[in-house]
Amino acid sequence: MILLDHLLLQEQVLSTSFACDLKRCKGACCTLKGGAGAPLLENEVVELRREMHAALPYLDSASRTWLENNDPVEGERGDRSVACIDDADCVFVYYESDVAKCALERAWLNGESTFRKPLSCHLFPIRVANFGGPYLHYEKIEECEPGREMGERLGIPLVESLKDALTRAYGPELYQRILNAAHGKDEGDT
């Protein structure tokens, strides 16, 4: 474990190579079976509900109808997640050919929304737990094997491929310390 300021990091977060390979994984992280969707921070709940209209034009009619009749947020305060359809696809998934993509992020990229997507989605395959402060750990799933292979082949550390997400979550200064730790320049406190 590495401690940087208030942030505890599993060493795999710093040592894993990863570069998302959508052509091969097909956006599997947006379609994992199991019922619960992406975890939401409480401050994201209002933002998601307010900005979801921007994603609607990119969704198929079944998802739009589902959203017209249901809340995109499930769970109770402190344990919220994005809703899924049929315990698999996130309600905001749309497909380009056979690749699952995020309609929230597409609206954001097109300048139609101020909400990019849930931070937990942006950070994946890093997950954040709370043990008196944030604890970042790497969630190794079979569906992300293409991303691990591409990261190894290209020599891209996980923390570099998630620069935007980590900077969004923790700011540029702490991101630079995370990157330095991944390159062995700042070991933090173990």
N, C-alpha and C. Protein backbone atom coordinates (compact mmCIF):
# COMPACT_ATOMS: atom_id res chain seq x y z
N MET A 1 0.84 -1.18 0.00
CA MET A 1 0.00 0.00 0.00
C MET A 1 0.89 1.25 0.00
N ILE A 2 0.42 2.24 -0.69
CA ILE A 2 1.11 3.52 -0.76
C ILE A 2 0.15 4.59 -0.27
N LEU A 3 0.63 5.47 0.59
CA LEU A 3 -0.18 6.58 1.08
C LEU A 3 0.37 7.88 0.51
N LEU A 4 -0.48 8.59 -0.22
CA LEU A 4 -0.13 9.91 -0.75
C LEU A 4 -1.15 10.89 -0.17
N ASP A 5 -0.69 11.73 0.73
CA ASP A 5 -1.59 12.64 1.44
C ASP A 5 -2.69 11.82 2.10
N HIS A 6 -3.94 12.03 1.69
CA HIS A 6 -5.08 11.33 2.27
C HIS A 6 -5.49 10.11 1.44
N LEU A 7 -4.76 9.83 0.37
CA LEU A 7 -5.15 8.81 -0.60
C LEU A 7 -4.31 7.55 -0.42
N LEU A 8 -4.99 6.43 -0.19
CA LEU A 8 -4.33 5.14 -0.05
C LEU A 8 -4.48 4.39 -1.37
N LEU A 9 -3.37 3.88 -1.90
CA LEU A 9 -3.39 3.20 -3.19
C LEU A 9 -2.86 1.78 -3.07
N GLN A 10 -3.59 0.85 -3.65
CA GLN A 10 -3.11 -0.51 -3.79
C GLN A 10 -1.94 -0.47 -4.78
N GLU A 11 -0.89 -1.22 -4.52
CA GLU A 11 0.28 -1.17 -5.39
C GLU A 11 -0.03 -1.55 -6.83
N GLN A 12 -1.04 -2.41 -7.06
CA GLN A 12 -1.42 -2.79 -8.43
C GLN A 12 -1.90 -1.59 -9.23
N VAL A 13 -2.48 -0.59 -8.58
CA VAL A 13 -2.91 0.62 -9.27
C VAL A 13 -1.71 1.28 -9.92
N LEU A 14 -0.56 1.21 -9.25
CA LEU A 14 0.65 1.86 -9.74
C LEU A 14 1.46 0.97 -10.69
N SER A 15 1.32 -0.34 -10.56
CA SER A 15 2.18 -1.24 -11.32
C SER A 15 1.53 -1.89 -12.53
N THR A 16 0.23 -1.78 -12.68
CA THR A 16 -0.49 -2.42 -13.78
C THR A 16 -0.39 -1.58 -15.06
N SER A 17 -0.20 -2.26 -16.17
CA SER A 17 -0.25 -1.62 -17.48
C SER A 17 -1.66 -1.78 -18.02
N PHE A 18 -2.17 -0.72 -18.67
CA PHE A 18 -3.54 -0.79 -19.14
C PHE A 18 -3.81 0.31 -20.16
N ALA A 19 -4.47 -0.04 -21.24
CA ALA A 19 -4.95 0.93 -22.24
C ALA A 19 -6.22 0.33 -22.83
N CYS A 20 -7.33 0.93 -22.55
CA CYS A 20 -8.63 0.40 -22.98
C CYS A 20 -8.60 0.07 -24.47
N ASP A 21 -9.10 -1.11 -24.80
CA ASP A 21 -9.13 -1.59 -26.18
C ASP A 21 -10.58 -1.89 -26.54
N LEU A 22 -11.33 -0.83 -26.84
CA LEU A 22 -12.77 -0.96 -27.11
C LEU A 22 -13.08 -1.90 -28.27
N LYS A 23 -12.21 -1.96 -29.25
CA LYS A 23 -12.47 -2.83 -30.40
C LYS A 23 -12.56 -4.29 -29.97
N ARG A 24 -11.82 -4.64 -28.93
CA ARG A 24 -11.82 -6.03 -28.47
C ARG A 24 -12.73 -6.29 -27.28
N CYS A 25 -12.81 -5.37 -26.34
CA CYS A 25 -13.64 -5.62 -25.15
C CYS A 25 -15.11 -5.29 -25.41
N LYS A 26 -15.38 -4.47 -26.42
CA LYS A 26 -16.74 -4.11 -26.83
C LYS A 26 -17.48 -3.28 -25.79
N GLY A 27 -16.74 -2.61 -24.89
CA GLY A 27 -17.40 -1.79 -23.87
C GLY A 27 -18.02 -2.63 -22.78
N ALA A 28 -17.41 -3.75 -22.48
CA ALA A 28 -17.97 -4.70 -21.52
C ALA A 28 -18.23 -4.09 -20.14
N CYS A 29 -17.44 -3.10 -19.74
CA CYS A 29 -17.62 -2.52 -18.41
C CYS A 29 -18.98 -1.83 -18.27
N CYS A 30 -19.61 -1.49 -19.38
CA CYS A 30 -20.94 -0.85 -19.36
C CYS A 30 -22.08 -1.85 -19.43
N THR A 31 -21.73 -3.12 -19.56
CA THR A 31 -22.77 -4.13 -19.77
C THR A 31 -22.61 -5.35 -18.86
N LEU A 32 -21.85 -5.22 -17.78
CA LEU A 32 -21.61 -6.36 -16.90
C LEU A 32 -22.89 -6.81 -16.23
N LYS A 33 -23.11 -8.10 -16.22
CA LYS A 33 -24.28 -8.66 -15.55
C LYS A 33 -24.07 -8.61 -14.05
N GLY A 34 -25.17 -8.54 -13.32
CA GLY A 34 -25.06 -8.56 -11.87
C GLY A 34 -26.01 -7.62 -11.17
N GLY A 35 -26.78 -6.86 -11.93
CA GLY A 35 -27.83 -6.06 -11.31
C GLY A 35 -27.47 -4.63 -11.00
N ALA A 36 -26.42 -4.41 -10.24
CA ALA A 36 -26.07 -3.04 -9.84
C ALA A 36 -25.24 -2.38 -10.93
N GLY A 37 -25.57 -1.14 -11.20
CA GLY A 37 -24.81 -0.38 -12.17
C GLY A 37 -23.65 0.33 -11.51
N ALA A 38 -23.14 1.32 -12.18
CA ALA A 38 -21.99 2.08 -11.68
C ALA A 38 -22.34 2.79 -10.39
N PRO A 39 -21.46 2.69 -9.39
CA PRO A 39 -21.69 3.42 -8.14
C PRO A 39 -21.69 4.93 -8.39
N LEU A 40 -22.54 5.63 -7.65
CA LEU A 40 -22.65 7.08 -7.76
C LEU A 40 -22.28 7.74 -6.45
N LEU A 41 -21.57 8.86 -6.55
CA LEU A 41 -21.37 9.73 -5.40
C LEU A 41 -22.66 10.50 -5.17
N GLU A 42 -22.94 10.86 -3.94
CA GLU A 42 -24.19 11.57 -3.65
C GLU A 42 -24.29 12.87 -4.45
N ASN A 43 -23.18 13.57 -4.63
CA ASN A 43 -23.24 14.83 -5.38
C ASN A 43 -23.48 14.59 -6.87
N GLU A 44 -23.33 13.37 -7.36
CA GLU A 44 -23.59 13.07 -8.76
C GLU A 44 -25.06 12.79 -9.05
N VAL A 45 -25.83 12.45 -8.01
CA VAL A 45 -27.22 12.05 -8.20
C VAL A 45 -28.04 13.18 -8.82
N VAL A 46 -27.98 14.37 -8.24
CA VAL A 46 -28.73 15.51 -8.76
C VAL A 46 -28.24 15.87 -10.15
N GLU A 47 -26.92 15.88 -10.32
CA GLU A 47 -26.33 16.23 -11.61
C GLU A 47 -26.76 15.25 -12.71
N LEU A 48 -26.75 13.96 -12.41
CA LEU A 48 -27.16 12.94 -13.38
C LEU A 48 -28.63 13.13 -13.76
N ARG A 49 -29.48 13.31 -12.77
CA ARG A 49 -30.90 13.49 -13.07
C ARG A 49 -31.14 14.76 -13.88
N ARG A 50 -30.42 15.82 -13.56
CA ARG A 50 -30.59 17.10 -14.25
C ARG A 50 -30.11 17.03 -15.70
N GLU A 51 -29.03 16.31 -15.95
CA GLU A 51 -28.40 16.30 -17.28
C GLU A 51 -28.77 15.10 -18.15
N MET A 52 -29.56 14.16 -17.63
CA MET A 52 -29.83 12.94 -18.39
C MET A 52 -30.56 13.21 -19.71
N HIS A 53 -31.32 14.31 -19.76
CA HIS A 53 -32.05 14.64 -21.00
C HIS A 53 -31.11 14.77 -22.20
N ALA A 54 -29.88 15.22 -21.95
CA ALA A 54 -28.93 15.40 -23.05
C ALA A 54 -28.51 14.07 -23.67
N ALA A 55 -28.60 12.99 -22.89
CA ALA A 55 -28.21 11.67 -23.38
C ALA A 55 -29.32 11.00 -24.19
N LEU A 56 -30.55 11.42 -23.99
CA LEU A 56 -31.70 10.73 -24.60
C LEU A 56 -31.61 10.57 -26.11
N PRO A 57 -31.20 11.58 -26.87
CA PRO A 57 -31.17 11.41 -28.34
C PRO A 57 -30.24 10.29 -28.82
N TYR A 58 -29.29 9.88 -28.00
CA TYR A 58 -28.32 8.87 -28.41
C TYR A 58 -28.76 7.45 -28.04
N LEU A 59 -29.83 7.35 -27.27
CA LEU A 59 -30.29 6.05 -26.79
C LEU A 59 -31.32 5.44 -27.72
N ASP A 60 -31.44 4.11 -27.67
CA ASP A 60 -32.48 3.47 -28.45
C ASP A 60 -33.84 3.71 -27.78
N SER A 61 -34.90 3.38 -28.48
CA SER A 61 -36.24 3.68 -27.98
C SER A 61 -36.55 2.93 -26.69
N ALA A 62 -36.04 1.72 -26.52
CA ALA A 62 -36.30 0.97 -25.29
C ALA A 62 -35.69 1.69 -24.08
N SER A 63 -34.47 2.19 -24.21
CA SER A 63 -33.83 2.91 -23.09
C SER A 63 -34.54 4.22 -22.82
N ARG A 64 -34.91 4.94 -23.88
CA ARG A 64 -35.64 6.20 -23.69
C ARG A 64 -36.97 5.96 -22.97
N THR A 65 -37.71 4.95 -23.39
CA THR A 65 -38.98 4.61 -22.75
C THR A 65 -38.75 4.23 -21.29
N TRP A 66 -37.71 3.43 -21.06
CA TRP A 66 -37.40 3.02 -19.69
C TRP A 66 -37.15 4.25 -18.83
N LEU A 67 -36.36 5.20 -19.33
CA LEU A 67 -36.03 6.40 -18.57
C LEU A 67 -37.24 7.32 -18.37
N GLU A 68 -38.18 7.30 -19.30
CA GLU A 68 -39.39 8.10 -19.13
C GLU A 68 -40.24 7.61 -17.97
N ASN A 69 -40.10 6.32 -17.65
CA ASN A 69 -40.94 5.70 -16.63
C ASN A 69 -40.20 5.32 -15.35
N ASN A 70 -38.90 5.53 -15.30
CA ASN A 70 -38.10 5.08 -14.15
C ASN A 70 -37.01 6.10 -13.81
N ASP A 71 -36.57 6.02 -12.60
CA ASP A 71 -35.47 6.85 -12.12
C ASP A 71 -34.15 6.21 -12.57
N PRO A 72 -33.21 6.97 -13.12
CA PRO A 72 -31.93 6.38 -13.53
C PRO A 72 -31.04 6.02 -12.34
N VAL A 73 -31.46 6.42 -11.15
CA VAL A 73 -30.67 6.19 -9.94
C VAL A 73 -31.37 5.15 -9.07
N GLU A 74 -30.60 4.16 -8.63
CA GLU A 74 -31.13 3.13 -7.73
C GLU A 74 -30.42 3.21 -6.40
N GLY A 75 -31.05 2.64 -5.38
CA GLY A 75 -30.42 2.53 -4.06
C GLY A 75 -30.80 3.67 -3.14
N GLU A 76 -30.29 3.55 -1.94
CA GLU A 76 -30.56 4.52 -0.88
C GLU A 76 -29.36 5.44 -0.72
N ARG A 77 -29.59 6.55 -0.08
CA ARG A 77 -28.53 7.52 0.20
C ARG A 77 -27.30 6.81 0.76
N GLY A 78 -26.16 7.11 0.19
CA GLY A 78 -24.91 6.48 0.61
C GLY A 78 -24.59 5.18 -0.12
N ASP A 79 -25.56 4.67 -0.90
CA ASP A 79 -25.35 3.43 -1.64
C ASP A 79 -26.11 3.51 -2.97
N ARG A 80 -25.79 4.50 -3.75
CA ARG A 80 -26.50 4.77 -5.01
C ARG A 80 -25.74 4.20 -6.19
N SER A 81 -26.48 3.86 -7.22
CA SER A 81 -25.88 3.40 -8.47
C SER A 81 -26.78 3.76 -9.64
N VAL A 82 -26.20 3.71 -10.83
CA VAL A 82 -26.96 3.93 -12.06
C VAL A 82 -27.78 2.67 -12.32
N ALA A 83 -28.99 2.86 -12.77
CA ALA A 83 -29.86 1.73 -13.08
C ALA A 83 -29.36 0.95 -14.30
N CYS A 84 -29.68 -0.32 -14.30
CA CYS A 84 -29.37 -1.19 -15.44
C CYS A 84 -30.66 -1.78 -15.98
N ILE A 85 -30.64 -2.13 -17.24
CA ILE A 85 -31.78 -2.78 -17.87
C ILE A 85 -31.48 -4.28 -17.93
N ASP A 86 -32.42 -5.06 -17.46
CA ASP A 86 -32.31 -6.53 -17.45
C ASP A 86 -31.03 -7.00 -16.74
N ASP A 87 -30.67 -6.31 -15.66
CA ASP A 87 -29.49 -6.68 -14.86
C ASP A 87 -28.21 -6.76 -15.67
N ALA A 88 -28.11 -5.95 -16.71
CA ALA A 88 -26.89 -5.97 -17.53
C ALA A 88 -26.54 -4.58 -18.00
N ASP A 89 -27.04 -4.18 -19.18
CA ASP A 89 -26.66 -2.89 -19.76
C ASP A 89 -27.03 -1.72 -18.86
N CYS A 90 -26.09 -0.81 -18.68
CA CYS A 90 -26.39 0.46 -18.04
C CYS A 90 -27.49 1.13 -18.86
N VAL A 91 -28.38 1.83 -18.19
CA VAL A 91 -29.50 2.47 -18.89
C VAL A 91 -29.02 3.53 -19.88
N PHE A 92 -27.78 3.99 -19.75
CA PHE A 92 -27.25 5.01 -20.66
C PHE A 92 -26.36 4.44 -21.77
N VAL A 93 -26.40 3.14 -21.98
CA VAL A 93 -25.61 2.50 -23.03
C VAL A 93 -26.29 2.68 -24.38
N TYR A 94 -25.47 3.02 -25.38
CA TYR A 94 -25.90 2.95 -26.77
C TYR A 94 -24.81 2.17 -27.51
N TYR A 95 -25.12 1.70 -28.67
CA TYR A 95 -24.17 0.87 -29.41
C TYR A 95 -23.76 1.54 -30.71
N GLU A 96 -22.46 1.49 -30.98
CA GLU A 96 -21.90 1.79 -32.29
C GLU A 96 -21.39 0.46 -32.80
N SER A 97 -22.06 -0.06 -33.82
CA SER A 97 -21.85 -1.44 -34.26
C SER A 97 -22.09 -2.33 -33.05
N ASP A 98 -21.09 -3.08 -32.63
CA ASP A 98 -21.29 -3.97 -31.48
C ASP A 98 -20.54 -3.48 -30.23
N VAL A 99 -20.17 -2.21 -30.20
CA VAL A 99 -19.43 -1.65 -29.07
C VAL A 99 -20.37 -0.79 -28.22
N ALA A 100 -20.46 -1.14 -26.93
CA ALA A 100 -21.27 -0.38 -25.98
C ALA A 100 -20.54 0.91 -25.62
N LYS A 101 -21.26 2.02 -25.68
CA LYS A 101 -20.70 3.32 -25.33
C LYS A 101 -21.67 4.07 -24.44
N CYS A 102 -21.17 5.16 -23.84
CA CYS A 102 -21.95 5.93 -22.87
C CYS A 102 -22.59 7.15 -23.53
N ALA A 103 -23.93 7.20 -23.50
CA ALA A 103 -24.66 8.34 -24.07
C ALA A 103 -24.43 9.61 -23.26
N LEU A 104 -24.21 9.47 -21.94
CA LEU A 104 -23.91 10.65 -21.11
C LEU A 104 -22.61 11.29 -21.59
N GLU A 105 -21.60 10.45 -21.79
CA GLU A 105 -20.30 10.98 -22.22
C GLU A 105 -20.37 11.54 -23.64
N ARG A 106 -21.15 10.91 -24.49
CA ARG A 106 -21.28 11.43 -25.86
C ARG A 106 -21.88 12.83 -25.84
N ALA A 107 -22.93 13.02 -25.02
CA ALA A 107 -23.54 14.35 -24.90
C ALA A 107 -22.52 15.36 -24.36
N TRP A 108 -21.72 14.94 -23.38
CA TRP A 108 -20.69 15.81 -22.81
C TRP A 108 -19.64 16.17 -23.87
N LEU A 109 -19.17 15.18 -24.60
CA LEU A 109 -18.17 15.42 -25.64
C LEU A 109 -18.70 16.35 -26.72
N ASN A 110 -20.00 16.31 -26.96
CA ASN A 110 -20.62 17.17 -27.97
C ASN A 110 -21.00 18.53 -27.41
N GLY A 111 -20.66 18.81 -26.16
CA GLY A 111 -20.95 20.10 -25.55
C GLY A 111 -22.41 20.30 -25.19
N GLU A 112 -23.15 19.21 -25.06
CA GLU A 112 -24.59 19.28 -24.78
C GLU A 112 -24.92 19.07 -23.31
N SER A 113 -23.92 18.80 -22.49
CA SER A 113 -24.13 18.50 -21.08
C SER A 113 -22.90 18.92 -20.28
N THR A 114 -23.11 19.22 -19.02
CA THR A 114 -21.99 19.54 -18.13
C THR A 114 -21.56 18.32 -17.31
N PHE A 115 -22.30 17.22 -17.43
CA PHE A 115 -21.99 16.00 -16.67
C PHE A 115 -21.38 14.98 -17.60
N ARG A 116 -20.11 14.64 -17.38
CA ARG A 116 -19.42 13.73 -18.29
C ARG A 116 -19.96 12.31 -18.16
N LYS A 117 -19.86 11.75 -17.01
CA LYS A 117 -20.38 10.42 -16.65
C LYS A 117 -19.99 10.21 -15.19
N PRO A 118 -20.56 9.20 -14.53
CA PRO A 118 -20.17 8.97 -13.14
C PRO A 118 -18.66 8.78 -13.00
N LEU A 119 -18.12 9.32 -11.93
CA LEU A 119 -16.68 9.19 -11.70
C LEU A 119 -16.26 7.73 -11.63
N SER A 120 -17.10 6.87 -11.07
CA SER A 120 -16.75 5.45 -10.98
C SER A 120 -16.56 4.83 -12.37
N CYS A 121 -17.32 5.29 -13.35
CA CYS A 121 -17.15 4.81 -14.73
C CYS A 121 -15.86 5.36 -15.32
N HIS A 122 -15.62 6.63 -15.08
CA HIS A 122 -14.45 7.30 -15.63
C HIS A 122 -13.16 6.68 -15.08
N LEU A 123 -13.17 6.27 -13.82
CA LEU A 123 -11.99 5.68 -13.19
C LEU A 123 -11.79 4.20 -13.49
N PHE A 124 -12.81 3.51 -13.95
CA PHE A 124 -12.72 2.06 -14.13
C PHE A 124 -11.57 1.68 -15.05
N PRO A 125 -10.76 0.67 -14.71
CA PRO A 125 -10.91 -0.38 -13.72
C PRO A 125 -10.35 -0.08 -12.32
N ILE A 126 -10.12 1.18 -12.03
CA ILE A 126 -9.81 1.54 -10.64
C ILE A 126 -11.14 1.73 -9.92
N ARG A 127 -11.22 1.18 -8.74
CA ARG A 127 -12.38 1.35 -7.88
C ARG A 127 -11.95 2.10 -6.63
N VAL A 128 -12.88 2.82 -6.05
CA VAL A 128 -12.60 3.59 -4.84
C VAL A 128 -13.42 3.03 -3.70
N ALA A 129 -12.75 2.66 -2.63
CA ALA A 129 -13.41 2.24 -1.40
C ALA A 129 -13.10 3.29 -0.35
N ASN A 130 -13.78 3.23 0.76
CA ASN A 130 -13.54 4.20 1.83
C ASN A 130 -13.19 3.47 3.11
N PHE A 131 -11.99 3.68 3.57
CA PHE A 131 -11.53 3.14 4.84
C PHE A 131 -11.04 4.30 5.70
N GLY A 132 -11.93 5.25 5.98
CA GLY A 132 -11.55 6.47 6.69
C GLY A 132 -10.94 7.49 5.76
N GLY A 133 -10.92 7.20 4.50
CA GLY A 133 -10.41 8.04 3.43
C GLY A 133 -10.45 7.21 2.16
N PRO A 134 -10.21 7.80 1.01
CA PRO A 134 -10.30 7.03 -0.22
C PRO A 134 -9.17 6.02 -0.36
N TYR A 135 -9.55 4.81 -0.79
CA TYR A 135 -8.62 3.72 -1.06
C TYR A 135 -8.83 3.29 -2.50
N LEU A 136 -7.83 3.50 -3.34
CA LEU A 136 -7.93 3.13 -4.74
C LEU A 136 -7.36 1.73 -4.94
N HIS A 137 -8.19 0.87 -5.55
CA HIS A 137 -7.72 -0.48 -5.83
C HIS A 137 -8.08 -0.85 -7.26
N TYR A 138 -7.31 -1.75 -7.81
CA TYR A 138 -7.48 -2.19 -9.19
C TYR A 138 -8.42 -3.37 -9.20
N GLU A 139 -9.47 -3.29 -10.02
CA GLU A 139 -10.42 -4.39 -10.15
C GLU A 139 -10.09 -5.15 -11.44
N LYS A 140 -9.47 -6.29 -11.28
CA LYS A 140 -9.07 -7.09 -12.42
C LYS A 140 -10.23 -8.00 -12.82
N ILE A 141 -10.77 -7.73 -14.01
CA ILE A 141 -11.85 -8.57 -14.51
C ILE A 141 -11.45 -9.14 -15.86
N GLU A 142 -11.98 -10.30 -16.18
CA GLU A 142 -11.63 -11.00 -17.41
C GLU A 142 -11.93 -10.15 -18.65
N GLU A 143 -13.04 -9.42 -18.61
CA GLU A 143 -13.45 -8.63 -19.77
C GLU A 143 -12.44 -7.54 -20.15
N CYS A 144 -11.59 -7.16 -19.21
CA CYS A 144 -10.58 -6.12 -19.47
C CYS A 144 -9.22 -6.69 -19.89
N GLU A 145 -9.15 -7.98 -20.16
CA GLU A 145 -7.89 -8.56 -20.60
C GLU A 145 -7.32 -7.86 -21.85
N PRO A 146 -8.17 -7.48 -22.83
CA PRO A 146 -7.61 -6.75 -23.99
C PRO A 146 -6.93 -5.44 -23.58
N GLY A 147 -7.45 -4.75 -22.58
CA GLY A 147 -6.84 -3.51 -22.11
C GLY A 147 -5.50 -3.75 -21.43
N ARG A 148 -5.42 -4.84 -20.68
CA ARG A 148 -4.13 -5.18 -20.06
C ARG A 148 -3.10 -5.54 -21.12
N GLU A 149 -3.53 -6.32 -22.12
CA GLU A 149 -2.61 -6.70 -23.20
C GLU A 149 -2.12 -5.48 -23.97
N MET A 150 -3.04 -4.57 -24.29
CA MET A 150 -2.64 -3.38 -25.05
C MET A 150 -1.73 -2.49 -24.20
N GLY A 151 -2.04 -2.34 -22.92
CA GLY A 151 -1.20 -1.55 -22.03
C GLY A 151 0.21 -2.11 -21.94
N GLU A 152 0.31 -3.44 -21.85
CA GLU A 152 1.63 -4.08 -21.82
C GLU A 152 2.37 -3.86 -23.13
N ARG A 153 1.67 -4.07 -24.23
CA ARG A 153 2.29 -3.94 -25.55
C ARG A 153 2.79 -2.52 -25.80
N LEU A 154 2.01 -1.52 -25.37
CA LEU A 154 2.37 -0.12 -25.60
C LEU A 154 3.17 0.50 -24.45
N GLY A 155 3.29 -0.24 -23.33
CA GLY A 155 4.03 0.28 -22.18
C GLY A 155 3.32 1.43 -21.48
N ILE A 156 1.99 1.36 -21.38
CA ILE A 156 1.21 2.44 -20.78
C ILE A 156 0.75 2.02 -19.38
N PRO A 157 1.19 2.71 -18.35
CA PRO A 157 0.71 2.42 -17.00
C PRO A 157 -0.76 2.78 -16.85
N LEU A 158 -1.48 2.03 -16.05
CA LEU A 158 -2.89 2.28 -15.78
C LEU A 158 -3.14 3.72 -15.39
N VAL A 159 -2.29 4.27 -14.53
CA VAL A 159 -2.51 5.65 -14.06
C VAL A 159 -2.32 6.67 -15.17
N GLU A 160 -1.55 6.35 -16.19
CA GLU A 160 -1.44 7.25 -17.35
C GLU A 160 -2.67 7.17 -18.22
N SER A 161 -3.20 5.97 -18.42
CA SER A 161 -4.39 5.84 -19.25
C SER A 161 -5.62 6.45 -18.58
N LEU A 162 -5.57 6.61 -17.27
CA LEU A 162 -6.69 7.20 -16.53
C LEU A 162 -6.37 8.61 -16.03
N LYS A 163 -5.46 9.28 -16.72
CA LYS A 163 -5.04 10.63 -16.30
C LYS A 163 -6.23 11.58 -16.14
N ASP A 164 -7.11 11.66 -17.12
CA ASP A 164 -8.24 12.59 -17.04
C ASP A 164 -9.13 12.28 -15.84
N ALA A 165 -9.42 11.01 -15.63
CA ALA A 165 -10.30 10.61 -14.52
C ALA A 165 -9.64 10.88 -13.17
N LEU A 166 -8.37 10.52 -13.04
CA LEU A 166 -7.68 10.74 -11.77
C LEU A 166 -7.51 12.24 -11.48
N THR A 167 -7.27 13.02 -12.51
CA THR A 167 -7.16 14.47 -12.34
C THR A 167 -8.52 15.05 -11.96
N ARG A 168 -9.57 14.57 -12.60
CA ARG A 168 -10.93 15.01 -12.25
C ARG A 168 -11.24 14.71 -10.78
N ALA A 169 -10.82 13.54 -10.33
CA ALA A 169 -11.14 13.11 -8.97
C ALA A 169 -10.27 13.77 -7.91
N TYR A 170 -8.98 13.94 -8.19
CA TYR A 170 -8.05 14.33 -7.13
C TYR A 170 -7.22 15.58 -7.42
N GLY A 171 -7.40 16.16 -8.60
CA GLY A 171 -6.67 17.37 -8.94
C GLY A 171 -5.33 17.08 -9.59
N PRO A 172 -4.77 18.07 -10.28
CA PRO A 172 -3.53 17.85 -11.04
C PRO A 172 -2.30 17.60 -10.16
N GLU A 173 -2.22 18.23 -9.00
CA GLU A 173 -1.04 18.04 -8.15
C GLU A 173 -0.98 16.63 -7.60
N LEU A 174 -2.12 16.12 -7.08
CA LEU A 174 -2.11 14.76 -6.54
C LEU A 174 -1.98 13.74 -7.68
N TYR A 175 -2.56 14.04 -8.84
CA TYR A 175 -2.35 13.14 -9.98
C TYR A 175 -0.86 13.02 -10.29
N GLN A 176 -0.15 14.14 -10.29
CA GLN A 176 1.28 14.10 -10.60
C GLN A 176 2.03 13.24 -9.58
N ARG A 177 1.63 13.32 -8.32
CA ARG A 177 2.26 12.47 -7.29
C ARG A 177 1.95 10.99 -7.53
N ILE A 178 0.72 10.70 -7.96
CA ILE A 178 0.36 9.31 -8.28
C ILE A 178 1.22 8.82 -9.44
N LEU A 179 1.34 9.64 -10.47
CA LEU A 179 2.16 9.29 -11.62
C LEU A 179 3.62 9.10 -11.22
N ASN A 180 4.13 9.99 -10.40
CA ASN A 180 5.52 9.85 -9.92
C ASN A 180 5.69 8.55 -9.16
N ALA A 181 4.72 8.20 -8.32
CA ALA A 181 4.80 6.95 -7.56
C ALA A 181 4.80 5.75 -8.50
N ALA A 182 4.01 5.82 -9.56
CA ALA A 182 3.97 4.73 -10.54
C ALA A 182 5.32 4.56 -11.23
N HIS A 183 6.06 5.66 -11.37
CA HIS A 183 7.38 5.63 -12.01
C HIS A 183 8.51 5.51 -10.98
N GLY A 184 8.14 5.24 -9.72
CA GLY A 184 9.14 5.05 -8.67
C GLY A 184 9.80 6.32 -8.19
N LYS A 185 9.23 7.47 -8.47
CA LYS A 185 9.83 8.75 -8.08
C LYS A 185 9.33 9.28 -6.75
N ASP A 186 8.18 8.78 -6.29
CA ASP A 186 7.60 9.25 -5.03
C ASP A 186 6.93 8.07 -4.38
N GLU A 187 7.58 7.47 -3.43
CA GLU A 187 7.06 6.24 -2.82
C GLU A 187 5.97 6.50 -1.78
N GLY A 188 5.78 7.73 -1.34
CA GLY A 188 4.77 7.98 -0.32
C GLY A 188 5.13 7.27 0.97
N ASP A 189 4.16 7.00 1.79
CA ASP A 189 4.37 6.28 3.05
C ASP A 189 3.76 4.91 2.93
N THR A 190 4.53 3.86 3.20
CA THR A 190 4.01 2.51 3.13
C THR A 190 3.75 1.94 4.49
